[in-house]
Amino acid sequence: MLVGGFMAPQSYWNTVIPALSERATIVTYDRPGVGMKLQQRLVNLIPGGKHVIAKGVGHNIHVEKPETLIDLVIEMIDKIQNSDF
């Protein structure tokens, strides 16, 4: 899972994005605006990337709705254990 850094310069993402794969999950909150457009753009750059939108929360997803992140971590562990990753 990738958290934060969406406002990093393009030179940073040019080195990071090629290393990401279907294992990358971008978690964002559901407030519309420029940030959401940038986050969707990032997801579109990752082959097989996954975009999860946490509904009804603000910037602190891990505090306001920790179950969203916990469920994603459990899902990732299950995939690894079942060799479906």
PDB file of N, CA and C in Angstrom:
ATOM      1  N   MET A   1       0.837  -1.170   0.000  1.00  0.00           N
ATOM      2  CA  MET A   1       0.000   0.000   0.000  1.00  0.00           C
ATOM      3  C   MET A   1       0.879   1.229   0.000  1.00  0.00           C
ATOM      4  N   LEU A   2       0.473   2.212  -0.712  1.00  0.00           N
ATOM      5  CA  LEU A   2       1.214   3.456  -0.815  1.00  0.00           C
ATOM      6  C   LEU A   2       0.436   4.529  -0.090  1.00  0.00           C
ATOM      7  N   VAL A   3       1.108   5.241   0.783  1.00  0.00           N
ATOM      8  CA  VAL A   3       0.453   6.287   1.559  1.00  0.00           C
ATOM      9  C   VAL A   3       1.201   7.589   1.354  1.00  0.00           C
ATOM     10  N   GLY A   4       0.488   8.630   1.015  1.00  0.00           N
ATOM     11  CA  GLY A   4       1.073   9.958   0.912  1.00  0.00           C
ATOM     12  C   GLY A   4       2.004  10.133  -0.279  1.00  0.00           C
ATOM     13  N   GLY A   5       2.559  11.326  -0.401  1.00  0.00           N
ATOM     14  CA  GLY A   5       3.542  11.626  -1.416  1.00  0.00           C
ATOM     15  C   GLY A   5       2.976  12.012  -2.766  1.00  0.00           C
ATOM     16  N   PHE A   6       1.681  12.243  -2.863  1.00  0.00           N
ATOM     17  CA  PHE A   6       1.083  12.531  -4.154  1.00  0.00           C
ATOM     18  C   PHE A   6       1.518  13.879  -4.718  1.00  0.00           C
ATOM     19  N   MET A   7       2.000  14.757  -3.879  1.00  0.00           N
ATOM     20  CA  MET A   7       2.433  16.061  -4.352  1.00  0.00           C
ATOM     21  C   MET A   7       3.939  16.077  -4.616  1.00  0.00           C
ATOM     22  N   ALA A   8       4.582  14.928  -4.593  1.00  0.00           N
ATOM     23  CA  ALA A   8       6.010  14.831  -4.870  1.00  0.00           C
ATOM     24  C   ALA A   8       6.260  15.211  -6.330  1.00  0.00           C
ATOM     25  N   PRO A   9       7.465  15.704  -6.641  1.00  0.00           N
ATOM     26  CA  PRO A   9       7.756  16.096  -8.028  1.00  0.00           C
ATOM     27  C   PRO A   9       7.758  14.895  -8.972  1.00  0.00           C
ATOM     28  N   GLN A  10       7.503  15.161 -10.240  1.00  0.00           N
ATOM     29  CA  GLN A  10       7.444  14.105 -11.253  1.00  0.00           C
ATOM     30  C   GLN A  10       8.728  13.278 -11.278  1.00  0.00           C
ATOM     31  N   SER A  11       9.873  13.911 -11.035  1.00  0.00           N
ATOM     32  CA  SER A  11      11.141  13.174 -11.056  1.00  0.00           C
ATOM     33  C   SER A  11      11.151  12.055 -10.014  1.00  0.00           C
ATOM     34  N   TYR A  12      10.480  12.268  -8.888  1.00  0.00           N
ATOM     35  CA  TYR A  12      10.377  11.232  -7.859  1.00  0.00           C
ATOM     36  C   TYR A  12       9.553  10.057  -8.372  1.00  0.00           C
ATOM     37  N   TRP A  13       8.382  10.355  -8.937  1.00  0.00           N
ATOM     38  CA  TRP A  13       7.490   9.294  -9.397  1.00  0.00           C
ATOM     39  C   TRP A  13       8.065   8.539 -10.592  1.00  0.00           C
ATOM     40  N   ASN A  14       8.916   9.193 -11.410  1.00  0.00           N
ATOM     41  CA  ASN A  14       9.533   8.507 -12.545  1.00  0.00           C
ATOM     42  C   ASN A  14      10.361   7.312 -12.091  1.00  0.00           C
ATOM     43  N   THR A  15      10.913   7.363 -10.888  1.00  0.00           N
ATOM     44  CA  THR A  15      11.704   6.245 -10.375  1.00  0.00           C
ATOM     45  C   THR A  15      10.859   5.254  -9.586  1.00  0.00           C
ATOM     46  N   VAL A  16       9.784   5.710  -8.988  1.00  0.00           N
ATOM     47  CA  VAL A  16       8.964   4.854  -8.125  1.00  0.00           C
ATOM     48  C   VAL A  16       7.966   4.006  -8.912  1.00  0.00           C
ATOM     49  N   ILE A  17       7.270   4.608  -9.853  1.00  0.00           N
ATOM     50  CA  ILE A  17       6.175   3.930 -10.544  1.00  0.00           C
ATOM     51  C   ILE A  17       6.609   2.641 -11.251  1.00  0.00           C
ATOM     52  N   PRO A  18       7.754   2.605 -11.942  1.00  0.00           N
ATOM     53  CA  PRO A  18       8.116   1.337 -12.591  1.00  0.00           C
ATOM     54  C   PRO A  18       8.278   0.170 -11.616  1.00  0.00           C
ATOM     55  N   ALA A  19       8.585   0.456 -10.363  1.00  0.00           N
ATOM     56  CA  ALA A  19       8.773  -0.608  -9.375  1.00  0.00           C
ATOM     57  C   ALA A  19       7.445  -1.107  -8.810  1.00  0.00           C
ATOM     58  N   LEU A  20       6.378  -0.382  -9.051  1.00  0.00           N
ATOM     59  CA  LEU A  20       5.067  -0.775  -8.540  1.00  0.00           C
ATOM     60  C   LEU A  20       4.423  -1.770  -9.498  1.00  0.00           C
ATOM     61  N   SER A  21       3.579  -2.615  -8.981  1.00  0.00           N
ATOM     62  CA  SER A  21       2.895  -3.603  -9.817  1.00  0.00           C
ATOM     63  C   SER A  21       1.492  -3.806  -9.291  1.00  0.00           C
ATOM     64  N   GLU A  22       0.910  -4.962  -9.636  1.00  0.00           N
ATOM     65  CA  GLU A  22      -0.437  -5.259  -9.154  1.00  0.00           C
ATOM     66  C   GLU A  22      -0.494  -5.342  -7.638  1.00  0.00           C
ATOM     67  N   ARG A  23       0.638  -5.311  -6.999  1.00  0.00           N
ATOM     68  CA  ARG A  23       0.663  -5.331  -5.542  1.00  0.00           C
ATOM     69  C   ARG A  23       0.418  -3.952  -4.935  1.00  0.00           C
ATOM     70  N   ALA A  24       0.355  -2.932  -5.763  1.00  0.00           N
ATOM     71  CA  ALA A  24       0.184  -1.574  -5.259  1.00  0.00           C
ATOM     72  C   ALA A  24      -1.290  -1.242  -5.069  1.00  0.00           C
ATOM     73  N   THR A  25      -1.608  -0.774  -3.889  1.00  0.00           N
ATOM     74  CA  THR A  25      -2.966  -0.331  -3.584  1.00  0.00           C
ATOM     75  C   THR A  25      -2.887   1.108  -3.100  1.00  0.00           C
ATOM     76  N   ILE A  26      -3.611   1.983  -3.739  1.00  0.00           N
ATOM     77  CA  ILE A  26      -3.676   3.382  -3.360  1.00  0.00           C
ATOM     78  C   ILE A  26      -4.976   3.580  -2.590  1.00  0.00           C
ATOM     79  N   VAL A  27      -4.879   4.097  -1.380  1.00  0.00           N
ATOM     80  CA  VAL A  27      -6.059   4.331  -0.545  1.00  0.00           C
ATOM     81  C   VAL A  27      -6.249   5.836  -0.410  1.00  0.00           C
ATOM     82  N   THR A  28      -7.431   6.305  -0.793  1.00  0.00           N
ATOM     83  CA  THR A  28      -7.725   7.729  -0.725  1.00  0.00           C
ATOM     84  C   THR A  28      -9.065   7.949  -0.037  1.00  0.00           C
ATOM     85  N   TYR A  29      -9.309   9.191   0.341  1.00  0.00           N
ATOM     86  CA  TYR A  29     -10.617   9.533   0.897  1.00  0.00           C
ATOM     87  C   TYR A  29     -11.491  10.078  -0.217  1.00  0.00           C
ATOM     88  N   ASP A  30     -12.773  10.227   0.042  1.00  0.00           N
ATOM     89  CA  ASP A  30     -13.740  10.506  -1.031  1.00  0.00           C
ATOM     90  C   ASP A  30     -14.091  11.970  -1.235  1.00  0.00           C
ATOM     91  N   ARG A  31     -13.200  12.874  -0.911  1.00  0.00           N
ATOM     92  CA  ARG A  31     -13.487  14.292  -1.147  1.00  0.00           C
ATOM     93  C   ARG A  31     -13.049  14.668  -2.557  1.00  0.00           C
ATOM     94  N   PRO A  32     -13.960  15.224  -3.341  1.00  0.00           N
ATOM     95  CA  PRO A  32     -13.610  15.567  -4.720  1.00  0.00           C
ATOM     96  C   PRO A  32     -12.620  16.728  -4.770  1.00  0.00           C
ATOM     97  N   GLY A  33     -11.940  16.843  -5.874  1.00  0.00           N
ATOM     98  CA  GLY A  33     -11.011  17.944  -6.072  1.00  0.00           C
ATOM     99  C   GLY A  33      -9.771  17.519  -6.816  1.00  0.00           C
ATOM    100  N   VAL A  34      -8.812  18.417  -6.848  1.00  0.00           N
ATOM    101  CA  VAL A  34      -7.568  18.176  -7.562  1.00  0.00           C
ATOM    102  C   VAL A  34      -6.855  16.951  -7.005  1.00  0.00           C
ATOM    103  N   GLY A  35      -6.836  16.781  -5.689  1.00  0.00           N
ATOM    104  CA  GLY A  35      -6.158  15.651  -5.078  1.00  0.00           C
ATOM    105  C   GLY A  35      -6.691  14.322  -5.573  1.00  0.00           C
ATOM    106  N   MET A  36      -8.000  14.200  -5.692  1.00  0.00           N
ATOM    107  CA  MET A  36      -8.609  12.952  -6.165  1.00  0.00           C
ATOM    108  C   MET A  36      -8.198  12.683  -7.611  1.00  0.00           C
ATOM    109  N   LYS A  37      -8.145  13.730  -8.432  1.00  0.00           N
ATOM    110  CA  LYS A  37      -7.738  13.562  -9.824  1.00  0.00           C
ATOM    111  C   LYS A  37      -6.287  13.094  -9.909  1.00  0.00           C
ATOM    112  N   LEU A  38      -5.421  13.656  -9.076  1.00  0.00           N
ATOM    113  CA  LEU A  38      -4.011  13.256  -9.069  1.00  0.00           C
ATOM    114  C   LEU A  38      -3.851  11.816  -8.593  1.00  0.00           C
ATOM    115  N   GLN A  39      -4.624  11.429  -7.600  1.00  0.00           N
ATOM    116  CA  GLN A  39      -4.536  10.066  -7.083  1.00  0.00           C
ATOM    117  C   GLN A  39      -5.022   9.059  -8.111  1.00  0.00           C
ATOM    118  N   GLN A  40      -6.098   9.381  -8.825  1.00  0.00           N
ATOM    119  CA  GLN A  40      -6.585   8.492  -9.871  1.00  0.00           C
ATOM    120  C   GLN A  40      -5.572   8.398 -10.999  1.00  0.00           C
ATOM    121  N   ARG A  41      -4.917   9.501 -11.300  1.00  0.00           N
ATOM    122  CA  ARG A  41      -3.876   9.490 -12.333  1.00  0.00           C
ATOM    123  C   ARG A  41      -2.741   8.552 -11.931  1.00  0.00           C
ATOM    124  N   LEU A  42      -2.355   8.596 -10.669  1.00  0.00           N
ATOM    125  CA  LEU A  42      -1.301   7.719 -10.167  1.00  0.00           C
ATOM    126  C   LEU A  42      -1.723   6.256 -10.294  1.00  0.00           C
ATOM    127  N   VAL A  43      -2.945   5.940  -9.896  1.00  0.00           N
ATOM    128  CA  VAL A  43      -3.446   4.563 -10.008  1.00  0.00           C
ATOM    129  C   VAL A  43      -3.414   4.107 -11.467  1.00  0.00           C
ATOM    130  N   ASN A  44      -3.794   4.979 -12.385  1.00  0.00           N
ATOM    131  CA  ASN A  44      -3.810   4.629 -13.803  1.00  0.00           C
ATOM    132  C   ASN A  44      -2.414   4.342 -14.348  1.00  0.00           C
ATOM    133  N   LEU A  45      -1.391   4.865 -13.710  1.00  0.00           N
ATOM    134  CA  LEU A  45      -0.008   4.642 -14.147  1.00  0.00           C
ATOM    135  C   LEU A  45       0.550   3.298 -13.672  1.00  0.00           C
ATOM    136  N   ILE A  46      -0.116   2.662 -12.726  1.00  0.00           N
ATOM    137  CA  ILE A  46       0.376   1.412 -12.143  1.00  0.00           C
ATOM    138  C   ILE A  46      -0.341   0.236 -12.805  1.00  0.00           C
ATOM    139  N   PRO A  47       0.389  -0.588 -13.558  1.00  0.00           N
ATOM    140  CA  PRO A  47      -0.262  -1.748 -14.178  1.00  0.00           C
ATOM    141  C   PRO A  47      -0.869  -2.661 -13.109  1.00  0.00           C
ATOM    142  N   GLY A  48      -2.166  -2.888 -13.199  1.00  0.00           N
ATOM    143  CA  GLY A  48      -2.836  -3.746 -12.229  1.00  0.00           C
ATOM    144  C   GLY A  48      -3.027  -3.111 -10.863  1.00  0.00           C
ATOM    145  N   GLY A  49      -2.774  -1.817 -10.767  1.00  0.00           N
ATOM    146  CA  GLY A  49      -2.927  -1.135  -9.481  1.00  0.00           C
ATOM    147  C   GLY A  49      -4.372  -1.145  -9.005  1.00  0.00           C
ATOM    148  N   LYS A  50      -4.538  -0.984  -7.722  1.00  0.00           N
ATOM    149  CA  LYS A  50      -5.871  -1.022  -7.118  1.00  0.00           C
ATOM    150  C   LYS A  50      -6.114   0.307  -6.412  1.00  0.00           C
ATOM    151  N   HIS A  51      -7.292   0.876  -6.604  1.00  0.00           N
ATOM    152  CA  HIS A  51      -7.659   2.138  -5.963  1.00  0.00           C
ATOM    153  C   HIS A  51      -8.830   1.886  -5.032  1.00  0.00           C
ATOM    154  N   VAL A  52      -8.619   2.138  -3.758  1.00  0.00           N
ATOM    155  CA  VAL A  52      -9.666   1.978  -2.758  1.00  0.00           C
ATOM    156  C   VAL A  52      -9.999   3.364  -2.220  1.00  0.00           C
ATOM    157  N   ILE A  53     -11.275   3.709  -2.261  1.00  0.00           N
ATOM    158  CA  ILE A  53     -11.724   5.006  -1.759  1.00  0.00           C
ATOM    159  C   ILE A  53     -12.444   4.777  -0.439  1.00  0.00           C
ATOM    160  N   ALA A  54     -11.895   5.332   0.628  1.00  0.00           N
ATOM    161  CA  ALA A  54     -12.500   5.219   1.953  1.00  0.00           C
ATOM    162  C   ALA A  54     -13.601   6.273   2.058  1.00  0.00           C
ATOM    163  N   LYS A  55     -14.813   5.826   2.192  1.00  0.00           N
ATOM    164  CA  LYS A  55     -15.974   6.723   2.220  1.00  0.00           C
ATOM    165  C   LYS A  55     -16.156   7.375   3.586  1.00  0.00           C
ATOM    166  N   GLY A  56     -16.501   8.649   3.584  1.00  0.00           N
ATOM    167  CA  GLY A  56     -16.883   9.357   4.799  1.00  0.00           C
ATOM    168  C   GLY A  56     -15.753   9.679   5.758  1.00  0.00           C
ATOM    169  N   VAL A  57     -14.540   9.740   5.250  1.00  0.00           N
ATOM    170  CA  VAL A  57     -13.415  10.086   6.123  1.00  0.00           C
ATOM    171  C   VAL A  57     -12.634  11.240   5.524  1.00  0.00           C
ATOM    172  N   GLY A  58     -11.743  11.789   6.323  1.00  0.00           N
ATOM    173  CA  GLY A  58     -10.871  12.850   5.856  1.00  0.00           C
ATOM    174  C   GLY A  58      -9.479  12.318   5.592  1.00  0.00           C
ATOM    175  N   HIS A  59      -8.504  13.158   5.814  1.00  0.00           N
ATOM    176  CA  HIS A  59      -7.112  12.840   5.505  1.00  0.00           C
ATOM    177  C   HIS A  59      -6.549  11.709   6.371  1.00  0.00           C
ATOM    178  N   ASN A  60      -7.053  11.542   7.581  1.00  0.00           N
ATOM    179  CA  ASN A  60      -6.519  10.546   8.521  1.00  0.00           C
ATOM    180  C   ASN A  60      -7.300   9.241   8.471  1.00  0.00           C
ATOM    181  N   ILE A  61      -7.213   8.558   7.341  1.00  0.00           N
ATOM    182  CA  ILE A  61      -7.963   7.317   7.144  1.00  0.00           C
ATOM    183  C   ILE A  61      -7.607   6.301   8.223  1.00  0.00           C
ATOM    184  N   HIS A  62      -6.331   6.217   8.552  1.00  0.00           N
ATOM    185  CA  HIS A  62      -5.871   5.222   9.534  1.00  0.00           C
ATOM    186  C   HIS A  62      -6.462   5.449  10.918  1.00  0.00           C
ATOM    187  N   VAL A  63      -6.883   6.674  11.212  1.00  0.00           N
ATOM    188  CA  VAL A  63      -7.487   6.990  12.515  1.00  0.00           C
ATOM    189  C   VAL A  63      -9.002   6.914  12.434  1.00  0.00           C
ATOM    190  N   GLU A  64      -9.564   7.488  11.377  1.00  0.00           N
ATOM    191  CA  GLU A  64     -11.020   7.600  11.250  1.00  0.00           C
ATOM    192  C   GLU A  64     -11.699   6.301  10.807  1.00  0.00           C
ATOM    193  N   LYS A  65     -10.997   5.490  10.016  1.00  0.00           N
ATOM    194  CA  LYS A  65     -11.591   4.251   9.523  1.00  0.00           C
ATOM    195  C   LYS A  65     -10.505   3.190   9.360  1.00  0.00           C
ATOM    196  N   PRO A  66      -9.891   2.795  10.476  1.00  0.00           N
ATOM    197  CA  PRO A  66      -8.768   1.847  10.401  1.00  0.00           C
ATOM    198  C   PRO A  66      -9.152   0.509   9.788  1.00  0.00           C
ATOM    199  N   GLU A  67     -10.417   0.122   9.890  1.00  0.00           N
ATOM    200  CA  GLU A  67     -10.833  -1.173   9.344  1.00  0.00           C
ATOM    201  C   GLU A  67     -10.612  -1.240   7.829  1.00  0.00           C
ATOM    202  N   THR A  68     -10.662  -0.099   7.153  1.00  0.00           N
ATOM    203  CA  THR A  68     -10.393  -0.088   5.708  1.00  0.00           C
ATOM    204  C   THR A  68      -8.984  -0.590   5.436  1.00  0.00           C
ATOM    205  N   LEU A  69      -8.018  -0.072   6.172  1.00  0.00           N
ATOM    206  CA  LEU A  69      -6.633  -0.480   5.973  1.00  0.00           C
ATOM    207  C   LEU A  69      -6.380  -1.888   6.503  1.00  0.00           C
ATOM    208  N   ILE A  70      -6.991  -2.216   7.618  1.00  0.00           N
ATOM    209  CA  ILE A  70      -6.823  -3.562   8.195  1.00  0.00           C
ATOM    210  C   ILE A  70      -7.339  -4.612   7.219  1.00  0.00           C
ATOM    211  N   ASP A  71      -8.507  -4.360   6.636  1.00  0.00           N
ATOM    212  CA  ASP A  71      -9.078  -5.313   5.670  1.00  0.00           C
ATOM    213  C   ASP A  71      -8.156  -5.499   4.464  1.00  0.00           C
ATOM    214  N   LEU A  72      -7.534  -4.419   4.003  1.00  0.00           N
ATOM    215  CA  LEU A  72      -6.621  -4.515   2.858  1.00  0.00           C
ATOM    216  C   LEU A  72      -5.363  -5.306   3.203  1.00  0.00           C
ATOM    217  N   VAL A  73      -4.843  -5.109   4.417  1.00  0.00           N
ATOM    218  CA  VAL A  73      -3.667  -5.857   4.833  1.00  0.00           C
ATOM    219  C   VAL A  73      -4.003  -7.347   4.955  1.00  0.00           C
ATOM    220  N   ILE A  74      -5.150  -7.654   5.528  1.00  0.00           N
ATOM    221  CA  ILE A  74      -5.581  -9.062   5.646  1.00  0.00           C
ATOM    222  C   ILE A  74      -5.747  -9.674   4.259  1.00  0.00           C
ATOM    223  N   GLU A  75      -6.340  -8.929   3.344  1.00  0.00           N
ATOM    224  CA  GLU A  75      -6.515  -9.412   1.969  1.00  0.00           C
ATOM    225  C   GLU A  75      -5.154  -9.714   1.333  1.00  0.00           C
ATOM    226  N   MET A  76      -4.186  -8.825   1.538  1.00  0.00           N
ATOM    227  CA  MET A  76      -2.857  -9.031   0.977  1.00  0.00           C
ATOM    228  C   MET A  76      -2.184 -10.262   1.581  1.00  0.00           C
ATOM    229  N   ILE A  77      -2.304 -10.441   2.885  1.00  0.00           N
ATOM    230  CA  ILE A  77      -1.728 -11.616   3.557  1.00  0.00           C
ATOM    231  C   ILE A  77      -2.367 -12.898   3.017  1.00  0.00           C
ATOM    232  N   ASP A  78      -3.692 -12.893   2.865  1.00  0.00           N
ATOM    233  CA  ASP A  78      -4.392 -14.062   2.314  1.00  0.00           C
ATOM    234  C   ASP A  78      -3.892 -14.386   0.907  1.00  0.00           C
ATOM    235  N   LYS A  79      -3.705 -13.366   0.075  1.00  0.00           N
ATOM    236  CA  LYS A  79      -3.223 -13.601  -1.284  1.00  0.00           C
ATOM    237  C   LYS A  79      -1.824 -14.208  -1.268  1.00  0.00           C
ATOM    238  N   ILE A  80      -0.979 -13.706  -0.389  1.00  0.00           N
ATOM    239  CA  ILE A  80       0.388 -14.231  -0.307  1.00  0.00           C
ATOM    240  C   ILE A  80       0.362 -15.677   0.177  1.00  0.00           C
ATOM    241  N   GLN A  81      -0.429 -15.963   1.180  1.00  0.00           N
ATOM    242  CA  GLN A  81      -0.501 -17.328   1.717  1.00  0.00           C
ATOM    243  C   GLN A  81      -1.079 -18.308   0.699  1.00  0.00           C
ATOM    244  N   ASN A  82      -1.966 -17.831  -0.163  1.00  0.00           N
ATOM    245  CA  ASN A  82      -2.583 -18.692  -1.167  1.00  0.00           C
ATOM    246  C   ASN A  82      -1.864 -18.618  -2.511  1.00  0.00           C
ATOM    247  N   SER A  83      -0.702 -18.016  -2.515  1.00  0.00           N
ATOM    248  CA  SER A  83       0.119 -17.868  -3.733  1.00  0.00           C
ATOM    249  C   SER A  83      -0.641 -17.261  -4.897  1.00  0.00           C
ATOM    250  N   ASP A  84      -1.562 -16.389  -4.595  1.00  0.00           N
ATOM    251  CA  ASP A  84      -2.348 -15.715  -5.633  1.00  0.00           C
ATOM    252  C   ASP A  84      -1.890 -14.271  -5.755  1.00  0.00           C
ATOM    253  N   PHE A  85      -0.624 -14.032  -5.496  1.00  0.00           N
ATOM    254  CA  PHE A  85      -0.126 -12.663  -5.457  1.00  0.00           C
ATOM    255  C   PHE A  85       0.997 -12.485  -6.432  1.00  0.00           C
TER     256      PHE A  85
END
